[in-house]
C-alpha atoms as a PDB file:
ATOM      1  CA  MET A   1     261.668 -30.658 145.396  1.00  0.00           C
ATOM      2  CA  ARG A   2     263.746 -29.032 148.336  1.00  0.00           C
ATOM      3  CA  SER A   3     264.091 -25.406 148.825  1.00  0.00           C
ATOM      4  CA  LEU A   4     266.800 -23.289 146.788  1.00  0.00           C
ATOM      5  CA  VAL A   5     268.453 -20.298 147.501  1.00  0.00           C
ATOM      6  CA  PRO A   6     269.832 -18.441 144.923  1.00  0.00           C
ATOM      7  CA  VAL A   7     274.300 -18.154 144.966  1.00  0.00           C
ATOM      8  CA  LEU A   8     276.742 -16.709 142.282  1.00  0.00           C
ATOM      9  CA  ALA A   9     279.768 -17.760 143.393  1.00  0.00           C
ATOM     10  CA  LEU A  10     282.904 -18.443 141.399  1.00  0.00           C
ATOM     11  CA  VAL A  11     283.863 -21.922 141.764  1.00  0.00           C
ATOM     12  CA  THR A  12     286.473 -25.081 140.502  1.00  0.00           C
ATOM     13  CA  ALA A  13     288.383 -24.644 137.539  1.00  0.00           C
ATOM     14  CA  ALA A  14     291.259 -26.812 135.970  1.00  0.00           C
ATOM     15  CA  LEU A  15     292.885 -26.834 132.671  1.00  0.00           C
ATOM     16  CA  ILE A  16     293.259 -29.639 130.260  1.00  0.00           C
ATOM     17  CA  ALA A  17     296.914 -29.754 128.527  1.00  0.00           C
ATOM     18  CA  VAL A  18     296.581 -31.308 124.737  1.00  0.00           C
ATOM     19  CA  THR A  19     297.763 -34.377 126.370  1.00  0.00           C
ATOM     20  CA  GLY A  20     294.324 -34.953 127.697  1.00  0.00           C
ATOM     21  CA  ALA A  21     295.940 -35.299 131.101  1.00  0.00           C
ATOM     22  CA  ALA A  22     293.617 -33.312 134.290  1.00  0.00           C
ATOM     23  CA  SER A  23     295.630 -30.938 136.639  1.00  0.00           C
ATOM     24  CA  PRO A  24     294.038 -31.444 140.490  1.00  0.00           C
ATOM     25  CA  ALA A  25     290.922 -28.990 140.789  1.00  0.00           C
ATOM     26  CA  THR A  26     291.151 -25.547 142.680  1.00  0.00           C
ATOM     27  CA  ASN A  27     288.668 -23.384 143.404  1.00  0.00           C
ATOM     28  CA  THR A  28     290.416 -20.191 142.348  1.00  0.00           C
ATOM     29  CA  VAL A  29     291.749 -20.154 138.601  1.00  0.00           C
ATOM     30  CA  LEU A  30     289.408 -19.445 135.824  1.00  0.00           C
ATOM     31  CA  ALA A  31     291.733 -22.022 132.962  1.00  0.00           C
ATOM     32  CA  ALA A  32     291.936 -19.604 130.043  1.00  0.00           C
ATOM     33  CA  PRO A  33     289.815 -20.747 126.640  1.00  0.00           C
ATOM     34  CA  ALA A  34     291.540 -22.601 123.787  1.00  0.00           C
ATOM     35  CA  ARG A  35     291.771 -19.186 121.619  1.00  0.00           C
ATOM     36  CA  SER A  36     290.721 -19.401 117.270  1.00  0.00           C
ATOM     37  CA  SER A  37     291.525 -16.830 115.711  1.00  0.00           C
ATOM     38  CA  GLY A  38     290.040 -13.523 116.630  1.00  0.00           C
ATOM     39  CA  SER A  39     288.839 -14.576 119.831  1.00  0.00           C
ATOM     40  CA  GLY A  40     290.760 -11.931 122.219  1.00  0.00           C
ATOM     41  CA  SER A  41     291.719 -12.507 125.515  1.00  0.00           C
ATOM     42  CA  GLY A  42     289.690 -13.634 128.146  1.00  0.00           C
ATOM     43  CA  SER A  43     288.196 -16.617 129.750  1.00  0.00           C
ATOM     44  CA  VAL A  44     285.660 -19.160 129.732  1.00  0.00           C
ATOM     45  CA  GLY A  45     284.053 -19.669 133.756  1.00  0.00           C
ATOM     46  CA  VAL A  46     281.056 -21.480 135.546  1.00  0.00           C
ATOM     47  CA  ARG A  47     278.614 -20.590 138.327  1.00  0.00           C
ATOM     48  CA  LEU A  48     276.652 -22.144 141.128  1.00  0.00           C
ATOM     49  CA  VAL A  49     273.171 -20.450 140.755  1.00  0.00           C
ATOM     50  CA  ASP A  50     271.422 -21.557 143.620  1.00  0.00           C
ATOM     51  CA  ILE A  51     272.003 -24.402 146.930  1.00  0.00           C
ATOM     52  CA  PRO A  52     269.708 -25.810 148.685  1.00  0.00           C
ATOM     53  CA  ALA A  53     268.257 -23.780 151.564  1.00  0.00           C
ATOM     54  CA  ASP A  54     268.900 -25.913 154.709  1.00  0.00           C
ATOM     55  CA  LEU A  55     273.216 -25.310 153.161  1.00  0.00           C
ATOM     56  CA  ALA A  56     272.628 -21.554 153.105  1.00  0.00           C
ATOM     57  CA  ASP A  57     275.361 -21.461 155.709  1.00  0.00           C
ATOM     58  CA  ASP A  58     277.649 -24.143 154.500  1.00  0.00           C
ATOM     59  CA  PRO A  59     280.779 -22.090 152.283  1.00  0.00           C
ATOM     60  CA  ARG A  60     280.924 -24.992 150.474  1.00  0.00           C
ATOM     61  CA  ALA A  61     277.894 -25.196 149.306  1.00  0.00           C
ATOM     62  CA  ARG A  62     278.164 -21.611 147.533  1.00  0.00           C
ATOM     63  CA  HIS A  63     281.506 -23.262 145.710  1.00  0.00           C
ATOM     64  CA  TYR A  64     279.960 -26.922 145.383  1.00  0.00           C
ATOM     65  CA  ILE A  65     277.312 -29.188 144.170  1.00  0.00           C
ATOM     66  CA  ILE A  66     277.227 -30.844 147.475  1.00  0.00           C
ATOM     67  CA  ASP A  67     274.335 -33.034 149.036  1.00  0.00           C
ATOM     68  CA  ASN A  68     272.877 -36.030 150.778  1.00  0.00           C
ATOM     69  CA  LEU A  69     270.291 -37.706 149.286  1.00  0.00           C
ATOM     70  CA  ARG A  70     268.095 -41.256 149.903  1.00  0.00           C
ATOM     71  CA  PRO A  71     268.017 -43.605 146.359  1.00  0.00           C
ATOM     72  CA  GLY A  72     265.447 -42.782 144.297  1.00  0.00           C
ATOM     73  CA  THR A  73     265.643 -39.344 144.501  1.00  0.00           C
ATOM     74  CA  THR A  74     266.294 -36.581 142.002  1.00  0.00           C
ATOM     75  CA  VAL A  75     267.301 -33.328 142.094  1.00  0.00           C
ATOM     76  CA  ARG A  76     268.486 -29.974 140.239  1.00  0.00           C
ATOM     77  CA  ARG A  77     270.666 -27.455 140.333  1.00  0.00           C
ATOM     78  CA  ARG A  78     271.436 -24.362 137.746  1.00  0.00           C
ATOM     79  CA  ILE A  79     274.728 -23.339 136.892  1.00  0.00           C
ATOM     80  CA  GLU A  80     275.595 -19.928 135.116  1.00  0.00           C
ATOM     81  CA  VAL A  81     278.995 -20.162 132.103  1.00  0.00           C
ATOM     82  CA  LEU A  82     280.450 -16.992 131.480  1.00  0.00           C
ATOM     83  CA  ASN A  83     281.852 -15.788 128.623  1.00  0.00           C
ATOM     84  CA  THR A  84     284.719 -12.817 129.136  1.00  0.00           C
ATOM     85  CA  THR A  85     286.410 -13.356 125.911  1.00  0.00           C
ATOM     86  CA  ASP A  86     285.668 -10.670 122.424  1.00  0.00           C
ATOM     87  CA  SER A  87     284.201 -13.502 120.739  1.00  0.00           C
ATOM     88  CA  THR A  88     281.006 -16.105 120.986  1.00  0.00           C
ATOM     89  CA  LEU A  89     282.230 -19.196 122.330  1.00  0.00           C
ATOM     90  CA  HIS A  90     281.109 -22.737 121.627  1.00  0.00           C
ATOM     91  CA  VAL A  91     281.189 -24.855 125.189  1.00  0.00           C
ATOM     92  CA  GLU A  92     280.493 -28.184 125.548  1.00  0.00           C
ATOM     93  CA  VAL A  93     278.420 -28.734 129.014  1.00  0.00           C
ATOM     94  CA  TYR A  94     278.556 -32.197 130.765  1.00  0.00           C
ATOM     95  CA  PRO A  95     279.514 -34.261 133.684  1.00  0.00           C
ATOM     96  CA  ALA A  96     282.698 -36.539 134.514  1.00  0.00           C
ATOM     97  CA  ALA A  97     284.301 -38.697 136.855  1.00  0.00           C
ATOM     98  CA  ALA A  98     286.272 -37.466 140.034  1.00  0.00           C
ATOM     99  CA  ARG A  99     288.202 -38.661 142.876  1.00  0.00           C
ATOM    100  CA  ILE A 100     290.373 -37.457 146.217  1.00  0.00           C
ATOM    101  CA  THR A 101     293.988 -38.718 146.442  1.00  0.00           C
ATOM    102  CA  HIS A 102     296.724 -37.501 148.044  1.00  0.00           C
ATOM    103  CA  GLY A 103     294.953 -34.368 149.663  1.00  0.00           C
ATOM    104  CA  SER A 104     294.088 -33.238 146.041  1.00  0.00           C
ATOM    105  CA  PHE A 105     290.324 -33.473 144.664  1.00  0.00           C
ATOM    106  CA  VAL A 106     291.384 -34.227 140.977  1.00  0.00           C
ATOM    107  CA  GLY A 107     289.008 -34.437 137.588  1.00  0.00           C
ATOM    108  CA  ALA A 108     289.601 -37.735 135.421  1.00  0.00           C
ATOM    109  CA  ALA A 109     290.698 -36.681 132.277  1.00  0.00           C
ATOM    110  CA  GLY A 110     288.393 -36.733 129.129  1.00  0.00           C
ATOM    111  CA  ARG A 111     285.341 -37.346 129.930  1.00  0.00           C
ATOM    112  CA  LYS A 112     285.401 -41.197 131.798  1.00  0.00           C
ATOM    113  CA  ARG A 113     282.316 -41.952 133.851  1.00  0.00           C
ATOM    114  CA  ASN A 114     281.852 -42.868 137.145  1.00  0.00           C
ATOM    115  CA  GLU A 115     278.611 -43.761 139.078  1.00  0.00           C
ATOM    116  CA  LEU A 116     277.809 -40.034 139.946  1.00  0.00           C
ATOM    117  CA  SER A 117     278.768 -39.029 136.493  1.00  0.00           C
ATOM    118  CA  SER A 118     276.282 -41.838 135.255  1.00  0.00           C
ATOM    119  CA  TRP A 119     272.940 -40.162 137.206  1.00  0.00           C
ATOM    120  CA  THR A 120     273.951 -36.511 135.950  1.00  0.00           C
ATOM    121  CA  ARG A 121     272.891 -35.163 133.023  1.00  0.00           C
ATOM    122  CA  LEU A 122     272.665 -31.273 131.880  1.00  0.00           C
ATOM    123  CA  LYS A 123     269.833 -29.715 129.634  1.00  0.00           C
ATOM    124  CA  HIS A 124     272.052 -28.314 126.981  1.00  0.00           C
ATOM    125  CA  ARG A 125     274.782 -30.224 125.765  1.00  0.00           C
ATOM    126  CA  THR A 126     275.817 -27.393 124.225  1.00  0.00           C
ATOM    127  CA  LEU A 127     276.023 -23.523 124.728  1.00  0.00           C
ATOM    128  CA  GLN A 128     276.910 -20.853 122.121  1.00  0.00           C
ATOM    129  CA  VAL A 129     277.787 -18.491 124.975  1.00  0.00           C
ATOM    130  CA  PRO A 130     277.981 -14.555 122.981  1.00  0.00           C
ATOM    131  CA  ALA A 131     280.927 -12.429 124.090  1.00  0.00           C
ATOM    132  CA  HIS A 132     281.308 -11.128 127.323  1.00  0.00           C
ATOM    133  CA  ASP A 133     277.745 -12.412 128.260  1.00  0.00           C
ATOM    134  CA  THR A 134     276.079 -15.632 130.305  1.00  0.00           C
ATOM    135  CA  LEU A 135     274.158 -18.618 129.316  1.00  0.00           C
ATOM    136  CA  ARG A 136     271.903 -21.195 132.507  1.00  0.00           C
ATOM    137  CA  ASP A 137     271.759 -24.678 132.152  1.00  0.00           C
ATOM    138  CA  THR A 138     270.347 -26.957 134.480  1.00  0.00           C
ATOM    139  CA  VAL A 139     272.382 -29.933 136.036  1.00  0.00           C
ATOM    140  CA  THR A 140     269.900 -33.541 136.818  1.00  0.00           C
ATOM    141  CA  ILE A 141     270.592 -35.719 139.267  1.00  0.00           C
ATOM    142  CA  ARG A 142     268.527 -38.975 139.335  1.00  0.00           C
ATOM    143  CA  VAL A 143     269.938 -41.457 142.101  1.00  0.00           C
ATOM    144  CA  PRO A 144     268.992 -44.932 141.395  1.00  0.00           C
ATOM    145  CA  ARG A 145     266.672 -46.575 143.894  1.00  0.00           C
ATOM    146  CA  ASP A 146     269.478 -49.488 144.033  1.00  0.00           C
ATOM    147  CA  ALA A 147     272.220 -46.665 144.726  1.00  0.00           C
ATOM    148  CA  ALA A 148     274.235 -48.170 147.954  1.00  0.00           C
ATOM    149  CA  PRO A 149     275.429 -46.334 150.507  1.00  0.00           C
ATOM    150  CA  GLY A 150     278.250 -43.999 150.350  1.00  0.00           C
ATOM    151  CA  GLU A 151     279.874 -40.902 149.160  1.00  0.00           C
ATOM    152  CA  ARG A 152     280.428 -40.043 145.583  1.00  0.00           C
ATOM    153  CA  TYR A 153     282.494 -37.656 143.292  1.00  0.00           C
ATOM    154  CA  ALA A 154     282.378 -35.744 140.203  1.00  0.00           C
ATOM    155  CA  VAL A 155     282.984 -32.401 138.455  1.00  0.00           C
ATOM    156  CA  VAL A 156     280.255 -30.705 135.524  1.00  0.00           C
ATOM    157  CA  TRP A 157     282.455 -29.164 133.249  1.00  0.00           C
ATOM    158  CA  ALA A 158     282.383 -26.494 130.700  1.00  0.00           C
ATOM    159  CA  GLN A 159     284.822 -26.577 127.541  1.00  0.00           C
ATOM    160  CA  VAL A 160     286.209 -24.822 125.081  1.00  0.00           C
ATOM    161  CA  ARG A 161     288.046 -26.063 121.842  1.00  0.00           C
ATOM    162  CA  GLY A 162     290.380 -24.421 120.158  1.00  0.00           C
ATOM    163  CA  ASN A 163     293.177 -24.593 117.270  1.00  0.00           C
ATOM    164  CA  ARG A 164     296.781 -23.691 118.562  1.00  0.00           C
ATOM    165  CA  GLY A 165     298.009 -23.737 114.904  1.00  0.00           C
ATOM    166  CA  GLY A 166     300.576 -25.946 113.457  1.00  0.00           C
ATOM    167  CA  GLY A 167     297.348 -28.329 113.599  1.00  0.00           C
ATOM    168  CA  ILE A 168     297.636 -28.686 117.371  1.00  0.00           C
ATOM    169  CA  SER A 169     294.180 -28.725 119.239  1.00  0.00           C
ATOM    170  CA  LEU A 170     293.891 -26.930 122.637  1.00  0.00           C
ATOM    171  CA  VAL A 171     291.113 -27.967 125.134  1.00  0.00           C
ATOM    172  CA  SER A 172     290.424 -26.066 127.990  1.00  0.00           C
ATOM    173  CA  ARG A 173     287.895 -26.686 130.815  1.00  0.00           C
ATOM    174  CA  THR A 174     286.808 -25.035 134.012  1.00  0.00           C
ATOM    175  CA  GLY A 175     284.320 -26.832 136.275  1.00  0.00           C
ATOM    176  CA  ILE A 176     282.028 -27.599 139.376  1.00  0.00           C
ATOM    177  CA  ARG A 177     282.967 -30.459 141.942  1.00  0.00           C
ATOM    178  CA  MET A 178     279.786 -32.441 142.684  1.00  0.00           C
ATOM    179  CA  TYR A 179     280.299 -34.129 146.251  1.00  0.00           C
ATOM    180  CA  LEU A 180     277.032 -36.415 146.612  1.00  0.00           C
ATOM    181  CA  SER A 181     276.206 -39.013 149.830  1.00  0.00           C
ATOM    182  CA  VAL A 182     274.013 -41.399 149.369  1.00  0.00           C
ATOM    183  CA  GLY A 183     272.182 -42.822 152.469  1.00  0.00           C
ATOM    184  CA  GLY A 184     269.798 -42.082 154.888  1.00  0.00           C
ATOM    185  CA  HIS A 185     267.272 -39.478 156.465  1.00  0.00           C
ATOM    186  CA  ASN A 186     270.625 -38.281 158.423  1.00  0.00           C
ATOM    187  CA  PRO A 187     273.350 -37.526 156.390  1.00  0.00           C
ATOM    188  CA  PRO A 188     276.560 -38.408 157.952  1.00  0.00           C
ATOM    189  CA  ALA A 189     278.814 -36.418 159.580  1.00  0.00           C
ATOM    190  CA  PRO A 190     281.837 -34.858 159.095  1.00  0.00           C
ATOM    191  CA  ASN A 191     285.157 -35.040 161.285  1.00  0.00           C
ATOM    192  CA  PHE A 192     288.595 -34.947 161.475  1.00  0.00           C
ATOM    193  CA  THR A 193     291.672 -34.578 163.982  1.00  0.00           C
ATOM    194  CA  ALA A 194     295.414 -34.212 164.022  1.00  0.00           C
ATOM    195  CA  ARG A 195     297.517 -36.764 164.191  1.00  0.00           C
ATOM    196  CA  THR A 196     300.835 -34.843 164.614  1.00  0.00           C
ATOM    197  CA  MET A 197     302.586 -31.422 164.037  1.00  0.00           C
ATOM    198  CA  THR A 198     306.062 -31.430 162.640  1.00  0.00           C
ATOM    199  CA  ALA A 199     308.544 -28.165 162.628  1.00  0.00           C
ATOM    200  CA  GLN A 200     310.960 -27.824 159.712  1.00  0.00           C
ATOM    201  CA  ARG A 201     312.739 -25.474 157.442  1.00  0.00           C
ATOM    202  CA  GLY A 202     312.981 -25.353 153.502  1.00  0.00           C
ATOM    203  CA  ARG A 203     316.956 -24.796 152.321  1.00  0.00           C
ATOM    204  CA  ASP A 204     316.028 -21.102 152.064  1.00  0.00           C
ATOM    205  CA  GLY A 205     315.796 -20.669 156.163  1.00  0.00           C
ATOM    206  CA  HIS A 206     311.921 -20.279 156.198  1.00  0.00           C
ATOM    207  CA  ALA A 207     310.058 -21.902 158.654  1.00  0.00           C
ATOM    208  CA  ILE A 208     306.897 -24.501 157.935  1.00  0.00           C
ATOM    209  CA  VAL A 209     304.540 -26.103 159.651  1.00  0.00           C
ATOM    210  CA  ARG A 210     303.395 -29.700 158.825  1.00  0.00           C
ATOM    211  CA  ALA A 211     300.095 -31.136 160.142  1.00  0.00           C
ATOM    212  CA  GLN A 212     298.768 -34.662 159.603  1.00  0.00           C
ATOM    213  CA  ILE A 213     295.074 -34.812 159.036  1.00  0.00           C
ATOM    214  CA  ILE A 214     293.067 -38.035 159.057  1.00  0.00           C
ATOM    215  CA  ASN A 215     289.496 -37.691 158.085  1.00  0.00           C
ATOM    216  CA  THR A 216     287.521 -39.365 160.687  1.00  0.00           C
ATOM    217  CA  GLY A 217     283.339 -38.474 159.277  1.00  0.00           C
ATOM    218  CA  GLY A 218     281.855 -39.581 156.873  1.00  0.00           C
ATOM    219  CA  ARG A 219     281.717 -36.682 154.405  1.00  0.00           C
ATOM    220  CA  ALA A 220     284.684 -35.294 152.030  1.00  0.00           C
ATOM    221  CA  LEU A 221     286.763 -32.537 153.464  1.00  0.00           C
ATOM    222  CA  ASP A 222     288.548 -29.430 152.115  1.00  0.00           C
ATOM    223  CA  LEU A 223     290.085 -27.829 154.278  1.00  0.00           C
ATOM    224  CA  SER A 224     291.310 -24.253 155.118  1.00  0.00           C
ATOM    225  CA  GLY A 225     292.554 -22.041 158.315  1.00  0.00           C
ATOM    226  CA  THR A 226     295.108 -20.233 160.562  1.00  0.00           C
ATOM    227  CA  LEU A 227     297.720 -20.930 162.585  1.00  0.00           C
ATOM    228  CA  LYS A 228     299.282 -18.836 165.775  1.00  0.00           C
ATOM    229  CA  LEU A 229     302.443 -19.133 167.265  1.00  0.00           C
ATOM    230  CA  ALA A 230     302.711 -17.973 170.936  1.00  0.00           C
ATOM    231  CA  SER A 231     306.540 -18.510 172.796  1.00  0.00           C
ATOM    232  CA  VAL A 232     306.493 -20.797 175.511  1.00  0.00           C
ATOM    233  CA  SER A 233     309.079 -18.840 177.219  1.00  0.00           C
ATOM    234  CA  GLY A 234     307.906 -15.111 176.601  1.00  0.00           C
ATOM    235  CA  SER A 235     305.256 -12.842 175.515  1.00  0.00           C
ATOM    236  CA  LEU A 236     305.872 -13.343 171.984  1.00  0.00           C
ATOM    237  CA  SER A 237     303.732 -14.270 169.365  1.00  0.00           C
ATOM    238  CA  ALA A 238     303.335 -14.808 165.238  1.00  0.00           C
ATOM    239  CA  GLY A 239     300.846 -15.187 163.335  1.00  0.00           C
ATOM    240  CA  PRO A 240     298.138 -15.914 161.731  1.00  0.00           C
ATOM    241  CA  TYR A 241     299.591 -17.844 159.134  1.00  0.00           C
ATOM    242  CA  GLN A 242     297.223 -19.224 156.602  1.00  0.00           C
ATOM    243  CA  VAL A 243     296.859 -22.938 155.943  1.00  0.00           C
ATOM    244  CA  GLN A 244     297.988 -23.474 152.179  1.00  0.00           C
ATOM    245  CA  LEU A 245     294.596 -24.396 150.424  1.00  0.00           C
ATOM    246  CA  GLY A 246     293.815 -27.096 148.217  1.00  0.00           C
ATOM    247  CA  THR A 247     294.221 -30.014 151.035  1.00  0.00           C
ATOM    248  CA  SER A 248     290.954 -32.144 150.186  1.00  0.00           C
ATOM    249  CA  LEU A 249     290.014 -35.890 152.090  1.00  0.00           C
ATOM    250  CA  ALA A 250     287.970 -38.715 151.657  1.00  0.00           C
ATOM    251  CA  PRO A 251     286.486 -40.027 154.875  1.00  0.00           C
ATOM    252  CA  HIS A 252     289.449 -42.228 155.765  1.00  0.00           C
ATOM    253  CA  GLN A 253     292.276 -40.663 154.179  1.00  0.00           C
ATOM    254  CA  SER A 254     295.150 -39.535 155.873  1.00  0.00           C
ATOM    255  CA  GLU A 255     297.321 -36.396 154.225  1.00  0.00           C
ATOM    256  CA  PRO A 256     299.659 -33.862 155.627  1.00  0.00           C
ATOM    257  CA  VAL A 257     298.323 -30.274 155.770  1.00  0.00           C
ATOM    258  CA  MET A 258     300.910 -27.722 155.309  1.00  0.00           C
ATOM    259  CA  ILE A 259     301.110 -24.043 156.958  1.00  0.00           C
ATOM    260  CA  PRO A 260     304.263 -21.549 155.615  1.00  0.00           C
ATOM    261  CA  VAL A 261     305.659 -19.320 158.073  1.00  0.00           C
ATOM    262  CA  THR A 262     305.807 -16.145 156.382  1.00  0.00           C
ATOM    263  CA  ASP A 263     307.828 -14.410 159.125  1.00  0.00           C
ATOM    264  CA  GLU A 264     311.508 -15.378 159.927  1.00  0.00           C
ATOM    265  CA  VAL A 265     311.047 -16.772 163.638  1.00  0.00           C
ATOM    266  CA  ALA A 266     313.131 -18.227 166.033  1.00  0.00           C
ATOM    267  CA  ASP A 267     313.767 -21.697 166.633  1.00  0.00           C
ATOM    268  CA  GLY A 268     311.784 -21.837 169.539  1.00  0.00           C
ATOM    269  CA  PRO A 269     309.858 -23.397 171.760  1.00  0.00           C
ATOM    270  CA  TRP A 270     306.662 -22.262 170.386  1.00  0.00           C
ATOM    271  CA  ARG A 271     303.150 -23.280 171.506  1.00  0.00           C
ATOM    272  CA  ALA A 272     301.286 -23.693 168.053  1.00  0.00           C
ATOM    273  CA  THR A 273     297.398 -23.657 167.990  1.00  0.00           C
ATOM    274  CA  LEU A 274     295.868 -24.525 164.643  1.00  0.00           C
ATOM    275  CA  GLU A 275     292.573 -23.804 163.748  1.00  0.00           C
ATOM    276  CA  LEU A 276     290.844 -25.844 160.737  1.00  0.00           C
ATOM    277  CA  ARG A 277     287.678 -25.560 159.130  1.00  0.00           C
ATOM    278  CA  SER A 278     285.763 -27.370 156.248  1.00  0.00           C
ATOM    279  CA  GLY A 279     282.503 -26.127 155.786  1.00  0.00           C
ATOM    280  CA  LEU A 280     280.811 -25.213 159.534  1.00  0.00           C
ATOM    281  CA  LEU A 281     283.293 -28.086 160.917  1.00  0.00           C
ATOM    282  CA  VAL A 282     286.035 -25.871 162.719  1.00  0.00           C
ATOM    283  CA  LYS A 283     288.591 -27.537 165.024  1.00  0.00           C
ATOM    284  CA  LYS A 284     291.433 -26.309 167.066  1.00  0.00           C
ATOM    285  CA  PHE A 285     294.145 -28.514 167.519  1.00  0.00           C
ATOM    286  CA  HIS A 286     297.644 -27.327 169.927  1.00  0.00           C
ATOM    287  CA  ALA A 287     301.414 -28.659 170.286  1.00  0.00           C
ATOM    288  CA  LYS A 288     304.333 -27.451 171.363  1.00  0.00           C
ATOM    289  CA  ILE A 289     307.216 -27.382 168.216  1.00  0.00           C
ATOM    290  CA  SER A 290     310.262 -25.997 167.673  1.00  0.00           C
ATOM    291  CA  PHE A 291     312.117 -25.437 164.475  1.00  0.00           C
ATOM    292  CA  PRO A 292     315.671 -27.088 163.461  1.00  0.00           C
ATOM    293  CA  HIS A 293     318.184 -24.080 163.518  1.00  0.00           C
ATOM    294  CA  THR A 294     319.241 -25.393 159.958  1.00  0.00           C
ATOM    295  CA  HIS A 295     317.227 -26.633 156.569  1.00  0.00           C
ATOM    296  CA  GLY A 296     315.932 -30.122 157.938  1.00  0.00           C
ATOM    297  CA  MET A 297     312.903 -31.573 159.882  1.00  0.00           C
ATOM    298  CA  ALA A 298     312.520 -31.942 163.831  1.00  0.00           C
ATOM    299  CA  PRO A 299     310.706 -34.653 165.120  1.00  0.00           C
ATOM    300  CA  ALA A 300     307.223 -34.948 165.296  1.00  0.00           C
ATOM    301  CA  ALA A 301     305.179 -33.191 168.191  1.00  0.00           C
ATOM    302  CA  ALA A 302     302.315 -34.893 170.132  1.00  0.00           C
ATOM    303  CA  VAL A 303     298.817 -32.739 169.387  1.00  0.00           C
ATOM    304  CA  ASP A 304     296.011 -32.032 172.205  1.00  0.00           C
ATOM    305  CA  ALA A 305     292.744 -30.973 170.361  1.00  0.00           C
ATOM    306  CA  GLU A 306     290.922 -28.479 172.138  1.00  0.00           C
ATOM    307  CA  THR A 307     287.880 -29.902 174.021  1.00  0.00           C
ATOM    308  CA  SER A 308     284.476 -28.194 174.269  1.00  0.00           C
ATOM    309  CA  SER A 309     284.972 -28.509 177.825  1.00  0.00           C
ATOM    310  CA  GLY A 310     284.716 -24.200 177.829  1.00  0.00           C
ATOM    311  CA  GLY A 311     281.505 -24.470 176.568  1.00  0.00           C
ATOM    312  CA  ALA A 312     280.344 -27.336 179.268  1.00  0.00           C
ATOM    313  CA  LEU A 313     282.169 -25.003 182.334  1.00  0.00           C
ATOM    314  CA  LYS A 314     279.908 -22.123 181.136  1.00  0.00           C
ATOM    315  CA  GLY A 315     277.064 -24.145 181.151  1.00  0.00           C
ATOM    316  CA  LEU A 316     277.834 -26.002 184.449  1.00  0.00           C
ATOM    317  CA  VAL A 317     277.784 -22.015 185.784  1.00  0.00           C
ATOM    318  CA  ALA A 318     274.822 -20.599 184.262  1.00  0.00           C
ATOM    319  CA  GLY A 319     272.962 -24.368 185.786  1.00  0.00           C
ATOM    320  CA  ILE A 320     273.878 -23.440 189.025  1.00  0.00           C
ATOM    321  CA  LEU A 321     273.423 -19.800 188.958  1.00  0.00           C
ATOM    322  CA  LEU A 322     269.991 -20.649 187.554  1.00  0.00           C
ATOM    323  CA  LEU A 323     269.328 -23.140 190.724  1.00  0.00           C
ATOM    324  CA  GLY A 324     270.683 -20.378 193.036  1.00  0.00           C
ATOM    325  CA  THR A 325     268.386 -17.869 191.869  1.00  0.00           C
ATOM    326  CA  ALA A 326     264.931 -20.851 192.079  1.00  0.00           C
ATOM    327  CA  LEU A 327     266.140 -21.589 195.642  1.00  0.00           C
ATOM    328  CA  LEU A 328     266.409 -17.690 196.415  1.00  0.00           C
ATOM    329  CA  ILE A 329     262.976 -17.489 195.442  1.00  0.00           C
ATOM    330  CA  ILE A 330     261.283 -20.650 196.820  1.00  0.00           C
ATOM    331  CA  THR A 331     263.545 -19.637 200.361  1.00  0.00           C
ATOM    332  CA  ASN A 332     261.527 -15.986 200.339  1.00  0.00           C
ATOM    333  CA  ARG A 333     257.899 -17.220 199.815  1.00  0.00           C
ATOM    334  CA  VAL A 334     259.109 -19.944 202.666  1.00  0.00           C
ATOM    335  CA  ARG A 335     259.934 -16.935 204.865  1.00  0.00           C
ATOM    336  CA  ARG A 336     257.009 -14.466 203.957  1.00  0.00           C
ATOM    337  CA  ARG A 337     254.618 -17.636 204.297  1.00  0.00           C
ATOM    338  CA  HIS A 338     255.546 -18.011 207.534  1.00  0.00           C
ATOM    339  CA  GLU A 339     255.792 -14.313 207.944  1.00  0.00           C
ATOM    340  CA  ARG A 340     252.088 -14.166 207.162  1.00  0.00           C
ATOM    341  CA  THR A 341     251.095 -17.307 209.401  1.00  0.00           C
ATOM    342  CA  ALA A 342     252.979 -15.877 212.446  1.00  0.00           C
ATOM    343  CA  ASP A 343     251.236 -12.259 211.669  1.00  0.00           C
ATOM    344  CA  ALA A 344     247.828 -13.962 211.424  1.00  0.00           C
ATOM    345  CA  GLY A 345     248.363 -16.143 214.866  1.00  0.00           C
ATOM    346  CA  SER A 346     249.425 -12.794 216.662  1.00  0.00           C
ATOM    347  CA  GLY A 347     245.684 -11.351 216.221  1.00  0.00           C
ATOM    348  CA  THR A 348     243.867 -13.895 216.987  1.00  0.00           C
ATOM    349  CA  THR A 349     245.898 -14.024 220.590  1.00  0.00           C
ATOM    350  CA  THR A 350     244.980 -10.278 221.003  1.00  0.00           C
ATOM    351  CA  GLY A 351     241.061 -10.631 220.737  1.00  0.00           C
END
């Protein structure tokens, strides 16, 4: 069994209305539970208790179940269900299908199944969670020996039912995203690039930068980051501005990332620097942009990806210095050897 480390991180949540349609899952909201009489205010939540030790430095792994497994592998993850209401909650715990579409990770309505959810089991299907208390459960994932390579998505849901009154039932659920890649010993590498950056202004005059991102790697991405602006013709700068959260991309998908500019900024031109991250992968992109004077969108600007030439240059300089030091040591040794030889020769002639 792989080594696990403990983590208690608040994770994905989504609210299901009485129609059963699923909202896109995010990592910032706890769904309010369906209330029954006397339940009081509060919510049901779910936390990931432990993660693989080799993913301990990956921030995504602290919120989601992420792994790369070989066919025939079985893994287990502990979760913790929280009840912050004043009453005991009857919580249903189960896996269901999910997909990434239009830049969002979306849990399917109801208990729709896919490959990954069919490989997933919970130790307990229901939990009676006391008021202001927690209970733990175990998620077991068994990858079939004949599983095809590729990445799958699902959600482990914690669900509460209740009555709104008038014969209307409410269902609320909160869950943990699952990203499972099936492959060989080495997991497929994540990667992405920016195609273009576009400057625009909304009807209220506020500036927005839109960057078109494509997932060029083999793993799904959950993008975050910042944008900085520097005047092309002066010393004025602005930012950093936070990227709107919630953009997820499956491999080969392309969607825009939006960055609202919360300050009032001039039209430009500006040198825009966009730093994006997904897990441990961090990349920077640069573009020259100008905002339209009124509501609208400027032409898309070409993007330059920041290369690692700076690091390569540092390595080259370090190598040159190391070589110079080695040559200096060798030169000194040769010079001292010649001096000793000359001294020895001079002593024999005087005898």
